[in-house]
Amino acid sequence: MKRYEIIDDCVPSPVQDEIENQLFEHMPLYYLKGTIREYDTSLNPWLVYSKAEQCVDEPFFFHMLYRDGEVSSDWFNMVTPIAEALLKPEANWRKNIIRIKANLQMKNGCVKEGSYNAPHKDTKGTHTVLLYYINDNDTDTIFWEELGDGNIKEHARVKAKKGRCVVFDGDWLHASAIPRISEKAVVNIVISKSINEIIK
């Protein structure tokens, strides 16, 4: 069973430019103090992995586009070309969406090189994540294998690149490196199906 797939230029360049323009110039964004909720260990049993020295878990800004079975933003149609380009027509992706949101993390040149946000999973149960990179920036998405007893081992990295999408098994522990040179913007689409069921 494949665990992730990288698709470059998953939507045409004019669509890439429009998504970037909408997020950086027009979309309202809301502050969130970190990747995970430190007060809720039942939702985040992987909090133990956030104790590493390199883990900083910087704040970021977000815009919720779809949640709880409903479109929650006028910008929802901005992201539909991403899903339609990558998912099987019979996957009925709209019906199986858990959440779609856009994230913007500001650069922080003061953090040590190699720092990353808290390793996490986006939700419980079977799910697939489509992570679309809105802009070129200096971050990687990092994936870890869980070794047990609170230990993890880095398994893979995917470099952020405008127009690139990494589609991965949602059971995979992951996090973003902290941007030090340029802001990082992504669209995060979470679908309640396994990666093999939905990817073209």
Protein backbone atom coordinates (compact mmCIF):
# COMPACT_ATOMS: atom_id res chain seq x y z
CA MET A 1 0.00 0.00 0.00
CA LYS A 2 1.45 3.37 -0.98
CA ARG A 3 1.74 5.95 1.78
CA TYR A 4 2.33 9.14 -0.18
CA GLU A 5 2.54 10.57 -3.67
CA ILE A 6 4.00 13.85 -4.91
CA ILE A 7 2.27 15.60 -7.81
CA ASP A 8 3.91 18.72 -9.25
CA ASP A 9 1.87 21.35 -11.10
CA CYS A 10 -1.31 19.58 -10.11
CA VAL A 11 -3.27 22.59 -11.38
CA PRO A 12 -2.30 24.91 -14.27
CA SER A 13 -0.03 27.91 -13.58
CA PRO A 14 -2.83 30.52 -13.86
CA VAL A 15 -4.79 28.63 -11.19
CA GLN A 16 -1.68 28.43 -8.99
CA ASP A 17 -1.22 32.20 -9.32
CA GLU A 18 -4.87 32.89 -8.51
CA ILE A 19 -4.79 30.74 -5.37
CA GLU A 20 -1.61 32.48 -4.19
CA ASN A 21 -3.04 35.92 -4.92
CA GLN A 22 -6.30 35.20 -3.11
CA LEU A 23 -4.58 34.00 0.05
CA PHE A 24 -1.94 36.72 0.27
CA GLU A 25 -4.06 39.64 -0.90
CA HIS A 26 -7.73 39.04 -0.08
CA MET A 27 -8.57 36.10 2.17
CA PRO A 28 -9.26 36.91 5.85
CA LEU A 29 -7.01 34.88 8.14
CA TYR A 30 -7.38 34.00 11.81
CA TYR A 31 -4.74 33.46 14.47
CA LEU A 32 -4.01 30.05 16.00
CA LYS A 33 -1.32 29.71 18.64
CA GLY A 34 0.04 26.34 17.48
CA THR A 35 -0.45 23.14 15.49
CA ILE A 36 -1.88 21.10 18.36
CA ARG A 37 -4.11 21.74 21.35
CA GLU A 38 -1.90 21.21 24.36
CA TYR A 39 -4.88 21.08 26.68
CA ASP A 40 -6.57 18.16 24.91
CA THR A 41 -4.51 14.99 25.17
CA SER A 42 -7.48 12.80 24.19
CA LEU A 43 -7.55 14.42 20.75
CA ASN A 44 -3.76 14.59 20.58
CA PRO A 45 -2.25 11.44 22.11
CA TRP A 46 0.88 12.16 20.06
CA LEU A 47 1.72 15.21 22.22
CA VAL A 48 4.69 13.28 23.53
CA TYR A 49 6.40 13.84 20.17
CA SER A 50 6.31 17.61 20.61
CA LYS A 51 8.86 17.52 23.42
CA ALA A 52 11.94 17.29 21.19
CA GLU A 53 14.38 20.20 21.32
CA GLN A 54 13.85 21.00 17.62
CA CYS A 55 10.06 21.26 18.08
CA VAL A 56 9.02 24.90 18.37
CA ASP A 57 5.36 24.79 17.22
CA GLU A 58 5.07 28.37 16.04
CA PRO A 59 1.70 30.16 15.74
CA PHE A 60 0.07 30.52 12.34
CA PHE A 61 -2.97 31.96 10.60
CA PHE A 62 -5.75 29.93 9.03
CA HIS A 63 -8.98 30.18 7.07
CA MET A 64 -11.54 27.37 7.35
CA LEU A 65 -13.09 26.56 3.98
CA TYR A 66 -15.13 23.45 4.76
CA ARG A 67 -16.02 21.73 8.03
CA ASP A 68 -18.74 19.58 9.61
CA GLY A 69 -20.32 18.75 6.27
CA GLU A 70 -20.73 22.34 5.15
CA VAL A 71 -18.94 24.92 3.04
CA SER A 72 -17.85 27.63 5.48
CA SER A 73 -16.23 30.18 3.20
CA ASP A 74 -16.81 32.18 0.03
CA TRP A 75 -13.31 31.01 -1.01
CA PHE A 76 -14.28 27.33 -1.15
CA ASN A 77 -14.38 27.23 -4.96
CA MET A 78 -10.76 28.39 -4.99
CA VAL A 79 -9.62 24.94 -3.82
CA THR A 80 -11.96 22.67 -5.78
CA PRO A 81 -9.61 22.46 -8.82
CA ILE A 82 -6.96 20.88 -6.57
CA ALA A 83 -9.22 18.05 -5.42
CA GLU A 84 -10.78 17.53 -8.84
CA ALA A 85 -7.34 17.23 -10.46
CA LEU A 86 -6.10 14.58 -8.05
CA LEU A 87 -9.03 12.45 -6.97
CA LYS A 88 -10.88 9.69 -8.76
CA PRO A 89 -14.23 10.90 -10.14
CA GLU A 90 -16.01 8.07 -8.34
CA ALA A 91 -14.41 9.02 -5.02
CA ASN A 92 -17.24 11.51 -4.41
CA TRP A 93 -14.74 13.67 -2.58
CA ARG A 94 -17.19 16.39 -1.53
CA LYS A 95 -19.24 13.85 0.39
CA ASN A 96 -16.15 12.49 2.15
CA ILE A 97 -14.46 15.74 3.15
CA ILE A 98 -13.63 16.06 6.83
CA ARG A 99 -12.07 19.51 6.60
CA ILE A 100 -10.45 21.96 4.21
CA LYS A 101 -8.44 24.93 5.42
CA ALA A 102 -5.76 27.30 4.24
CA ASN A 103 -2.76 27.94 6.50
CA LEU A 104 -0.22 30.75 6.51
CA GLN A 105 2.85 30.62 8.74
CA MET A 106 5.04 33.69 9.00
CA LYS A 107 8.80 33.44 8.66
CA ASN A 108 10.91 33.46 11.81
CA GLY A 109 14.62 33.82 11.24
CA CYS A 110 15.27 33.61 14.99
CA VAL A 111 14.52 29.89 15.32
CA LYS A 112 17.34 27.41 14.94
CA GLU A 113 17.80 25.80 11.56
CA GLY A 114 16.09 22.41 11.60
CA SER A 115 13.23 23.52 13.86
CA TYR A 116 9.76 22.20 13.13
CA ASN A 117 6.18 22.47 14.31
CA ALA A 118 4.68 19.77 16.54
CA PRO A 119 4.48 16.33 14.89
CA HIS A 120 0.80 15.45 14.60
CA LYS A 121 -2.00 13.68 12.76
CA ASP A 122 -4.85 15.73 11.39
CA THR A 123 -7.66 13.61 12.82
CA LYS A 124 -8.47 10.13 14.08
CA GLY A 125 -9.47 7.12 11.98
CA THR A 126 -8.83 6.35 8.33
CA HIS A 127 -8.16 9.48 6.31
CA THR A 128 -6.03 10.92 3.52
CA VAL A 129 -4.44 14.35 3.46
CA LEU A 130 -3.93 16.46 0.34
CA LEU A 131 -1.36 19.12 1.19
CA TYR A 132 -1.07 21.74 -1.55
CA TYR A 133 1.80 24.24 -1.45
CA ILE A 134 0.52 27.69 -2.36
CA ASN A 135 3.92 29.37 -2.63
CA ASP A 136 7.61 28.62 -2.98
CA ASN A 137 9.25 28.72 0.44
CA ASP A 138 12.12 27.29 2.45
CA THR A 139 10.30 24.53 4.33
CA ASP A 140 9.93 20.77 4.14
CA THR A 141 7.05 18.60 5.25
CA ILE A 142 8.62 15.96 7.48
CA PHE A 143 7.23 12.45 8.00
CA TRP A 144 8.12 10.15 10.89
CA GLU A 145 7.76 6.49 11.71
CA GLU A 146 6.49 5.79 15.23
CA LEU A 147 8.82 3.35 16.98
CA GLY A 148 6.88 3.01 20.24
CA ASP A 149 7.68 4.24 23.75
CA GLY A 150 7.49 7.84 22.59
CA ASN A 151 10.26 7.46 20.02
CA ILE A 152 10.06 8.49 16.37
CA LYS A 153 12.40 8.26 13.40
CA GLU A 154 12.40 10.59 10.42
CA HIS A 155 11.33 8.69 7.33
CA ALA A 156 10.91 11.21 4.51
CA ARG A 157 10.84 14.90 3.60
CA VAL A 158 8.95 16.72 0.87
CA LYS A 159 10.20 20.14 -0.21
CA ALA A 160 7.62 22.91 -0.47
CA LYS A 161 7.14 24.10 -4.04
CA LYS A 162 4.39 26.24 -5.53
CA GLY A 163 1.84 24.07 -7.34
CA ARG A 164 3.06 20.84 -5.71
CA CYS A 165 0.72 18.58 -3.78
CA VAL A 166 1.76 15.76 -1.52
CA VAL A 167 -1.02 13.26 -0.89
CA PHE A 168 -0.43 10.98 2.08
CA ASP A 169 -1.88 8.43 4.44
CA GLY A 170 -3.31 10.42 7.34
CA ASP A 171 -2.03 7.91 9.88
CA TRP A 172 1.48 9.14 9.15
CA LEU A 173 2.92 11.47 11.79
CA HIS A 174 3.98 14.70 10.09
CA ALA A 175 4.89 18.34 10.61
CA SER A 176 6.22 21.34 8.76
CA ALA A 177 9.68 22.78 9.18
CA ILE A 178 9.58 26.36 10.49
CA PRO A 179 9.98 28.88 7.65
CA ARG A 180 13.03 31.08 8.28
CA ILE A 181 13.35 32.97 4.97
CA SER A 182 9.84 33.24 3.47
CA GLU A 183 6.25 32.74 4.57
CA LYS A 184 4.71 29.30 4.06
CA ALA A 185 1.16 28.92 2.72
CA VAL A 186 -0.70 25.66 2.13
CA VAL A 187 -4.15 24.27 1.52
CA ASN A 188 -4.92 21.27 3.72
CA ILE A 189 -7.67 18.89 2.52
CA VAL A 190 -8.60 15.96 4.78
CA ILE A 191 -10.79 13.18 3.33
CA SER A 192 -12.27 10.20 5.18
CA LYS A 193 -11.02 7.59 2.72
CA SER A 194 -7.79 5.62 2.37
CA ILE A 195 -5.22 6.93 -0.11
CA ASN A 196 -5.68 3.91 -2.42
CA GLU A 197 -9.43 4.48 -2.63
CA ILE A 198 -9.30 8.04 -3.85
CA ILE A 199 -6.08 8.87 -5.73
CA LYS A 200 -6.16 8.66 -9.53
